[in-house]
Amino acid sequence: MKGPLLLLLVLLALVASFARAEAPAEESLVEKVQVYVQQVAQKAQEHMVTLRESPTTQQARAWLQAGLAQTQEYFGQLKDQLATLWEKTTAGGA
């Protein structure tokens, strides 16, 4: 009975010593991942700024704004026409 218990204690001591020995390696791995993530975030931000300032993006933005303005104008006219039609139908039926 004492033999297996002693063996178990020795194995637990070995596992604990290996766990302590590898703890700094895990921290350096975490630090490496954090540095990598920071670098990736910085590069992504730089690419977004470059993309935002590109002539193609500015032209696309202008086209979208013009299309939005035309759509708003169209719906404004449609609203006016429907209001006029509504007034004619309610005035004629009353």
C-alpha atoms as a PDB file:
ATOM      1  CA  MET A   1       0.000   0.000   0.000  1.00  0.00           C
ATOM      2  CA  LYS A   2       2.820   2.386   0.844  1.00  0.00           C
ATOM      3  CA  GLY A   3       4.601   1.676  -2.444  1.00  0.00           C
ATOM      4  CA  PRO A   4       1.832   2.930  -4.763  1.00  0.00           C
ATOM      5  CA  LEU A   5       1.152   5.903  -2.472  1.00  0.00           C
ATOM      6  CA  LEU A   6       4.820   6.871  -2.465  1.00  0.00           C
ATOM      7  CA  LEU A   7       4.952   6.499  -6.257  1.00  0.00           C
ATOM      8  CA  LEU A   8       1.860   8.688  -6.601  1.00  0.00           C
ATOM      9  CA  LEU A   9       3.422  11.389  -4.395  1.00  0.00           C
ATOM     10  CA  VAL A  10       6.638  11.319  -6.419  1.00  0.00           C
ATOM     11  CA  LEU A  11       4.680  11.630  -9.671  1.00  0.00           C
ATOM     12  CA  LEU A  12       2.665  14.522  -8.268  1.00  0.00           C
ATOM     13  CA  ALA A  13       5.866  16.273  -7.200  1.00  0.00           C
ATOM     14  CA  LEU A  14       7.325  15.811 -10.692  1.00  0.00           C
ATOM     15  CA  VAL A  15       4.183  17.135 -12.359  1.00  0.00           C
ATOM     16  CA  ALA A  16       4.154  20.144 -10.036  1.00  0.00           C
ATOM     17  CA  SER A  17       7.826  20.913 -10.734  1.00  0.00           C
ATOM     18  CA  PHE A  18       7.265  20.637 -14.504  1.00  0.00           C
ATOM     19  CA  ALA A  19       4.223  22.883 -14.247  1.00  0.00           C
ATOM     20  CA  ARG A  20       6.269  25.525 -12.422  1.00  0.00           C
ATOM     21  CA  ALA A  21       9.101  25.204 -14.926  1.00  0.00           C
ATOM     22  CA  GLU A  22       6.736  25.743 -17.879  1.00  0.00           C
ATOM     23  CA  ALA A  23       4.808  28.657 -16.377  1.00  0.00           C
ATOM     24  CA  PRO A  24       7.253  31.341 -17.628  1.00  0.00           C
ATOM     25  CA  ALA A  25       7.119  29.814 -21.117  1.00  0.00           C
ATOM     26  CA  GLU A  26       3.350  30.212 -21.105  1.00  0.00           C
ATOM     27  CA  GLU A  27       3.696  33.822 -20.039  1.00  0.00           C
ATOM     28  CA  SER A  28       6.130  34.516 -22.846  1.00  0.00           C
ATOM     29  CA  LEU A  29       3.708  32.843 -25.255  1.00  0.00           C
ATOM     30  CA  VAL A  30       0.920  35.079 -23.979  1.00  0.00           C
ATOM     31  CA  GLU A  31       3.182  38.106 -24.367  1.00  0.00           C
ATOM     32  CA  LYS A  32       4.058  37.049 -27.919  1.00  0.00           C
ATOM     33  CA  VAL A  33       0.379  36.689 -28.789  1.00  0.00           C
ATOM     34  CA  GLN A  34      -0.387  40.115 -27.305  1.00  0.00           C
ATOM     35  CA  VAL A  35       2.415  41.730 -29.311  1.00  0.00           C
ATOM     36  CA  TYR A  36       1.227  39.968 -32.455  1.00  0.00           C
ATOM     37  CA  VAL A  37      -2.360  41.114 -31.923  1.00  0.00           C
ATOM     38  CA  GLN A  38      -1.185  44.688 -31.375  1.00  0.00           C
ATOM     39  CA  GLN A  39       0.843  44.587 -34.593  1.00  0.00           C
ATOM     40  CA  VAL A  40      -2.082  43.170 -36.547  1.00  0.00           C
ATOM     41  CA  ALA A  41      -4.422  45.828 -35.142  1.00  0.00           C
ATOM     42  CA  GLN A  42      -1.942  48.582 -36.045  1.00  0.00           C
ATOM     43  CA  LYS A  43      -1.566  47.275 -39.605  1.00  0.00           C
ATOM     44  CA  ALA A  44      -5.334  46.960 -39.997  1.00  0.00           C
ATOM     45  CA  GLN A  45      -5.777  50.545 -38.832  1.00  0.00           C
ATOM     46  CA  GLU A  46      -3.115  51.759 -41.278  1.00  0.00           C
ATOM     47  CA  HIS A  47      -4.808  49.888 -44.132  1.00  0.00           C
ATOM     48  CA  MET A  48      -8.191  51.374 -43.208  1.00  0.00           C
ATOM     49  CA  VAL A  49      -6.745  54.893 -43.282  1.00  0.00           C
ATOM     50  CA  THR A  50      -5.120  54.192 -46.659  1.00  0.00           C
ATOM     51  CA  LEU A  51      -8.364  52.783 -47.990  1.00  0.00           C
ATOM     52  CA  ARG A  52     -10.391  55.690 -46.623  1.00  0.00           C
ATOM     53  CA  GLU A  53      -8.100  58.206 -48.337  1.00  0.00           C
ATOM     54  CA  SER A  54      -7.909  56.418 -51.694  1.00  0.00           C
ATOM     55  CA  PRO A  55      -9.445  58.151 -54.728  1.00  0.00           C
ATOM     56  CA  THR A  56     -11.548  55.083 -55.525  1.00  0.00           C
ATOM     57  CA  THR A  57     -13.127  55.125 -52.085  1.00  0.00           C
ATOM     58  CA  GLN A  58     -13.796  58.846 -52.298  1.00  0.00           C
ATOM     59  CA  GLN A  59     -15.419  58.409 -55.720  1.00  0.00           C
ATOM     60  CA  ALA A  60     -17.571  55.535 -54.439  1.00  0.00           C
ATOM     61  CA  ARG A  61     -18.613  57.647 -51.452  1.00  0.00           C
ATOM     62  CA  ALA A  62     -19.609  60.501 -53.797  1.00  0.00           C
ATOM     63  CA  TRP A  63     -21.661  58.120 -55.950  1.00  0.00           C
ATOM     64  CA  LEU A  64     -23.432  56.737 -52.900  1.00  0.00           C
ATOM     65  CA  GLN A  65     -24.218  60.212 -51.602  1.00  0.00           C
ATOM     66  CA  ALA A  66     -25.552  61.279 -55.012  1.00  0.00           C
ATOM     67  CA  GLY A  67     -27.665  58.134 -55.245  1.00  0.00           C
ATOM     68  CA  LEU A  68     -29.033  58.728 -51.754  1.00  0.00           C
ATOM     69  CA  ALA A  69     -29.914  62.325 -52.621  1.00  0.00           C
ATOM     70  CA  GLN A  70     -31.716  61.203 -55.798  1.00  0.00           C
ATOM     71  CA  THR A  71     -33.608  58.529 -53.872  1.00  0.00           C
ATOM     72  CA  GLN A  72     -34.680  61.032 -51.216  1.00  0.00           C
ATOM     73  CA  GLU A  73     -35.838  63.445 -53.926  1.00  0.00           C
ATOM     74  CA  TYR A  74     -37.791  60.682 -55.665  1.00  0.00           C
ATOM     75  CA  PHE A  75     -39.544  59.619 -52.465  1.00  0.00           C
ATOM     76  CA  GLY A  76     -40.309  63.248 -51.654  1.00  0.00           C
ATOM     77  CA  GLN A  77     -42.020  63.670 -55.028  1.00  0.00           C
ATOM     78  CA  LEU A  78     -43.851  60.375 -54.596  1.00  0.00           C
ATOM     79  CA  LYS A  79     -45.057  61.494 -51.166  1.00  0.00           C
ATOM     80  CA  ASP A  80     -46.345  64.777 -52.624  1.00  0.00           C
ATOM     81  CA  GLN A  81     -48.156  62.964 -55.435  1.00  0.00           C
ATOM     82  CA  LEU A  82     -49.739  60.515 -53.023  1.00  0.00           C
ATOM     83  CA  ALA A  83     -50.821  63.347 -50.725  1.00  0.00           C
ATOM     84  CA  THR A  84     -52.427  65.138 -53.674  1.00  0.00           C
ATOM     85  CA  LEU A  85     -54.173  61.948 -54.766  1.00  0.00           C
ATOM     86  CA  TRP A  86     -55.361  61.332 -51.208  1.00  0.00           C
ATOM     87  CA  GLU A  87     -56.790  64.847 -50.985  1.00  0.00           C
ATOM     88  CA  LYS A  88     -58.621  64.379 -54.310  1.00  0.00           C
ATOM     89  CA  THR A  89     -60.121  61.033 -53.291  1.00  0.00           C
ATOM     90  CA  THR A  90     -61.220  62.205 -49.860  1.00  0.00           C
ATOM     91  CA  ALA A  91     -62.581  65.494 -51.192  1.00  0.00           C
ATOM     92  CA  GLY A  92     -64.450  63.762 -54.051  1.00  0.00           C
ATOM     93  CA  GLY A  93     -65.993  61.097 -51.837  1.00  0.00           C
ATOM     94  CA  ALA A  94     -67.194  63.444 -49.097  1.00  0.00           C
END
